[in-house]
Amino acid sequence: AVQVPVLAVVGSKDSKPAQRFVEELPAVLPRGTGRVIDGVGHQWNAEQPELFSELVQAWITGKPLPPRLHPPTNLRDSGPLS
């Protein structure tokens, strides 16, 4: 019953479960958005602090997200979640 927008971001080098979470988020939260950043891991915000700042500013002001973020790819057939 969450009615607020939710953004989940994961690095492309993060675990499969984390990547699958951002893919499946809209099915669980109608206003949920999942995005992936290529080339970074679980602590992507520490690896790319400028991008993190740009992302937060865009999200809270309703502006477009940075172009480095993209929708998650289809992971349903990518094997086990381990």
C-alpha atoms as a PDB file:
ATOM      1  CA  ALA A   1       0.000   0.000   0.000  1.00  0.00           C
ATOM      2  CA  VAL A   2       3.008   2.306  -0.449  1.00  0.00           C
ATOM      3  CA  GLN A   3       1.852   5.337  -2.396  1.00  0.00           C
ATOM      4  CA  VAL A   4       5.118   7.281  -2.625  1.00  0.00           C
ATOM      5  CA  PRO A   5       7.714   6.985  -5.387  1.00  0.00           C
ATOM      6  CA  VAL A   6      10.546   4.568  -4.556  1.00  0.00           C
ATOM      7  CA  LEU A   7      13.886   4.375  -6.344  1.00  0.00           C
ATOM      8  CA  ALA A   8      16.252   1.430  -5.961  1.00  0.00           C
ATOM      9  CA  VAL A   9      19.660   1.553  -7.635  1.00  0.00           C
ATOM     10  CA  VAL A  10      22.154  -1.280  -7.948  1.00  0.00           C
ATOM     11  CA  GLY A  11      25.580  -1.627  -9.534  1.00  0.00           C
ATOM     12  CA  SER A  12      26.035  -4.004 -12.461  1.00  0.00           C
ATOM     13  CA  LYS A  13      28.698  -5.836 -10.416  1.00  0.00           C
ATOM     14  CA  ASP A  14      26.337  -6.316  -7.472  1.00  0.00           C
ATOM     15  CA  SER A  15      24.816  -9.704  -6.618  1.00  0.00           C
ATOM     16  CA  LYS A  16      22.137 -11.321  -8.770  1.00  0.00           C
ATOM     17  CA  PRO A  17      19.568 -11.060  -5.943  1.00  0.00           C
ATOM     18  CA  ALA A  18      20.140  -7.303  -5.698  1.00  0.00           C
ATOM     19  CA  GLN A  19      19.854  -6.910  -9.454  1.00  0.00           C
ATOM     20  CA  ARG A  20      16.710  -9.016  -9.531  1.00  0.00           C
ATOM     21  CA  PHE A  21      15.214  -6.868  -6.755  1.00  0.00           C
ATOM     22  CA  VAL A  22      15.461  -3.702  -8.837  1.00  0.00           C
ATOM     23  CA  GLU A  23      13.974  -5.540 -11.798  1.00  0.00           C
ATOM     24  CA  GLU A  24      10.988  -6.809  -9.815  1.00  0.00           C
ATOM     25  CA  LEU A  25      10.408  -3.662  -7.745  1.00  0.00           C
ATOM     26  CA  PRO A  26       7.651  -2.193  -9.976  1.00  0.00           C
ATOM     27  CA  ALA A  27       5.613  -5.392  -9.612  1.00  0.00           C
ATOM     28  CA  VAL A  28       5.657  -4.988  -5.820  1.00  0.00           C
ATOM     29  CA  LEU A  29       5.463  -1.204  -5.581  1.00  0.00           C
ATOM     30  CA  PRO A  30       3.413   0.421  -8.347  1.00  0.00           C
ATOM     31  CA  ARG A  31       5.419   3.649  -8.049  1.00  0.00           C
ATOM     32  CA  GLY A  32       8.728   1.822  -7.727  1.00  0.00           C
ATOM     33  CA  THR A  33      11.605   2.371 -10.137  1.00  0.00           C
ATOM     34  CA  GLY A  34      14.696   0.195 -10.406  1.00  0.00           C
ATOM     35  CA  ARG A  35      17.874   1.301 -12.134  1.00  0.00           C
ATOM     36  CA  VAL A  36      21.347  -0.145 -12.762  1.00  0.00           C
ATOM     37  CA  ILE A  37      24.710   1.610 -13.015  1.00  0.00           C
ATOM     38  CA  ASP A  38      27.292  -0.164 -15.160  1.00  0.00           C
ATOM     39  CA  GLY A  39      30.763  -0.943 -13.864  1.00  0.00           C
ATOM     40  CA  VAL A  40      30.198  -0.546 -10.126  1.00  0.00           C
ATOM     41  CA  GLY A  41      29.418  -2.871  -7.236  1.00  0.00           C
ATOM     42  CA  HIS A  42      27.290  -2.906  -4.117  1.00  0.00           C
ATOM     43  CA  GLN A  43      28.722   0.305  -2.676  1.00  0.00           C
ATOM     44  CA  TRP A  44      28.290   2.241  -5.905  1.00  0.00           C
ATOM     45  CA  ASN A  45      27.513   5.472  -4.036  1.00  0.00           C
ATOM     46  CA  ALA A  46      30.989   5.377  -2.453  1.00  0.00           C
ATOM     47  CA  GLU A  47      32.599   4.437  -5.765  1.00  0.00           C
ATOM     48  CA  GLN A  48      30.812   7.233  -7.644  1.00  0.00           C
ATOM     49  CA  PRO A  49      29.942   9.973  -5.094  1.00  0.00           C
ATOM     50  CA  GLU A  50      29.413  12.646  -7.763  1.00  0.00           C
ATOM     51  CA  LEU A  51      26.919  10.429  -9.578  1.00  0.00           C
ATOM     52  CA  PHE A  52      25.178   9.667  -6.284  1.00  0.00           C
ATOM     53  CA  SER A  53      24.803  13.382  -5.571  1.00  0.00           C
ATOM     54  CA  GLU A  54      23.523  14.038  -9.099  1.00  0.00           C
ATOM     55  CA  LEU A  55      21.045  11.169  -8.760  1.00  0.00           C
ATOM     56  CA  VAL A  56      19.675  12.355  -5.414  1.00  0.00           C
ATOM     57  CA  GLN A  57      19.286  15.921  -6.654  1.00  0.00           C
ATOM     58  CA  ALA A  58      17.469  14.757  -9.792  1.00  0.00           C
ATOM     59  CA  TRP A  59      15.172  12.393  -7.871  1.00  0.00           C
ATOM     60  CA  ILE A  60      14.083  14.893  -5.222  1.00  0.00           C
ATOM     61  CA  THR A  61      13.545  17.712  -7.735  1.00  0.00           C
ATOM     62  CA  GLY A  62      11.676  15.563 -10.266  1.00  0.00           C
ATOM     63  CA  LYS A  63      14.276  16.005 -12.991  1.00  0.00           C
ATOM     64  CA  PRO A  64      15.435  13.216 -15.334  1.00  0.00           C
ATOM     65  CA  LEU A  65      17.802  10.711 -13.786  1.00  0.00           C
ATOM     66  CA  PRO A  66      21.432  10.767 -14.944  1.00  0.00           C
ATOM     67  CA  PRO A  67      21.875   8.975 -18.271  1.00  0.00           C
ATOM     68  CA  ARG A  68      24.331   6.457 -16.762  1.00  0.00           C
ATOM     69  CA  LEU A  69      21.394   4.812 -15.002  1.00  0.00           C
ATOM     70  CA  HIS A  70      19.422   2.358 -17.067  1.00  0.00           C
ATOM     71  CA  PRO A  71      16.542  -0.041 -16.493  1.00  0.00           C
ATOM     72  CA  PRO A  72      17.562  -3.507 -15.300  1.00  0.00           C
ATOM     73  CA  THR A  73      17.912  -6.245 -17.879  1.00  0.00           C
ATOM     74  CA  ASN A  74      15.767  -9.318 -17.742  1.00  0.00           C
ATOM     75  CA  LEU A  75      17.338 -11.621 -15.140  1.00  0.00           C
ATOM     76  CA  ARG A  76      14.532 -14.160 -14.846  1.00  0.00           C
ATOM     77  CA  ASP A  77      16.331 -16.700 -17.036  1.00  0.00           C
ATOM     78  CA  SER A  78      19.843 -15.990 -15.826  1.00  0.00           C
ATOM     79  CA  GLY A  79      20.101 -18.931 -13.475  1.00  0.00           C
ATOM     80  CA  PRO A  80      20.155 -19.283  -9.689  1.00  0.00           C
ATOM     81  CA  LEU A  81      20.167 -16.265  -7.414  1.00  0.00           C
ATOM     82  CA  SER A  82      23.416 -17.192  -5.678  1.00  0.00           C
END
